């Protein structure tokens, strides 16, 4: 699923949206993350955020504008 640029091949970088969101695989679903990758009691949202941060840091670096924008977005109240 990972393209040559390091991002999912279904991620539209222009719109920053998933092209197959409704049909995405289980490992892309936040509610499935703990079952697939976590420990009992892990918060699915926190696990998803940690995964996204790790991907951004690995591909673009921790000081990239995408990381800053992501951190601003997750800091906003829902």
Protein backbone atom coordinates (compact mmCIF):
# COMPACT_ATOMS: atom_id res chain seq x y z
CA UNK A 1 0.00 0.00 0.00
CA UNK A 2 2.98 2.32 0.38
CA UNK A 3 3.95 4.23 -2.74
CA UNK A 4 7.43 5.28 -3.79
CA UNK A 5 6.99 8.61 -2.01
CA UNK A 6 6.43 6.84 1.33
CA UNK A 7 2.74 7.68 1.56
CA UNK A 8 -0.16 5.32 1.02
CA UNK A 9 -0.86 4.95 -2.68
CA UNK A 10 -4.52 5.82 -1.98
CA UNK A 11 -3.70 9.12 -0.28
CA UNK A 12 -4.41 12.15 -2.45
CA UNK A 13 -1.72 14.63 -1.45
CA UNK A 14 -3.54 17.49 -3.17
CA UNK A 15 -6.76 17.17 -1.19
CA UNK A 16 -5.06 15.36 1.72
CA UNK A 17 -7.80 12.74 1.64
CA UNK A 18 -8.02 9.00 1.22
CA UNK A 19 -9.33 7.95 -2.19
CA UNK A 20 -10.77 4.68 -0.82
CA UNK A 21 -11.95 5.85 2.60
CA UNK A 22 -15.29 4.01 2.55
CA UNK A 23 -13.57 0.77 1.46
CA UNK A 24 -10.28 1.19 3.36
CA UNK A 25 -8.67 -1.90 4.90
CA UNK A 26 -8.95 -2.76 8.59
CA UNK A 27 -5.48 -1.47 9.46
CA UNK A 28 -6.56 2.00 8.27
CA UNK A 29 -9.57 2.05 10.59
CA UNK A 30 -8.94 3.72 13.94
CA UNK A 31 -11.30 1.34 15.74
CA UNK A 32 -9.20 -1.62 14.51
CA UNK A 33 -5.77 -0.23 15.41
CA UNK A 34 -5.64 -1.55 18.95
CA UNK A 35 -6.67 -5.04 17.86
CA UNK A 36 -4.04 -5.04 15.13
CA UNK A 37 -1.12 -3.08 16.60
CA UNK A 38 -1.79 -2.13 20.20
CA UNK A 39 -2.00 -3.48 23.69
CA UNK A 40 -5.20 -4.08 25.65
CA UNK A 41 -6.37 -0.78 27.07
CA UNK A 42 -4.67 1.40 24.44
CA UNK A 43 -6.67 4.39 23.25
CA UNK A 44 -7.37 3.95 19.49
CA UNK A 45 -7.23 7.69 18.82
CA UNK A 46 -3.89 8.08 20.61
CA UNK A 47 -2.50 5.11 18.68
CA UNK A 48 -3.66 6.63 15.38
CA UNK A 49 -2.11 10.00 16.23
CA UNK A 50 1.17 8.34 17.20
CA UNK A 51 1.20 6.40 13.92
CA UNK A 52 0.59 9.55 11.89
CA UNK A 53 3.32 11.45 13.73
CA UNK A 54 5.75 8.61 13.15
CA UNK A 55 4.95 8.53 9.42
CA UNK A 56 5.30 12.29 9.00
CA UNK A 57 8.56 12.34 10.97
CA UNK A 58 10.00 9.43 8.97
CA UNK A 59 9.06 10.86 5.57
CA UNK A 60 9.40 14.61 6.07
CA UNK A 61 11.09 15.23 9.39
CA UNK A 62 9.78 16.47 12.70
CA UNK A 63 10.14 20.15 11.80
CA UNK A 64 8.36 20.01 8.43
CA UNK A 65 5.33 22.25 7.86
CA UNK A 66 3.14 19.15 7.50
CA UNK A 67 4.09 18.13 11.05
CA UNK A 68 3.35 21.61 12.38
CA UNK A 69 -0.01 21.64 10.63
CA UNK A 70 -0.83 18.15 11.94
CA UNK A 71 0.05 19.13 15.51
CA UNK A 72 -2.05 22.29 15.26
CA UNK A 73 -4.98 20.29 13.94
CA UNK A 74 -4.92 17.64 16.66
CA UNK A 75 -4.59 20.35 19.34
CA UNK A 76 -7.87 21.97 18.27
CA UNK A 77 -10.85 21.01 20.41
CA UNK A 78 -13.28 18.63 18.67
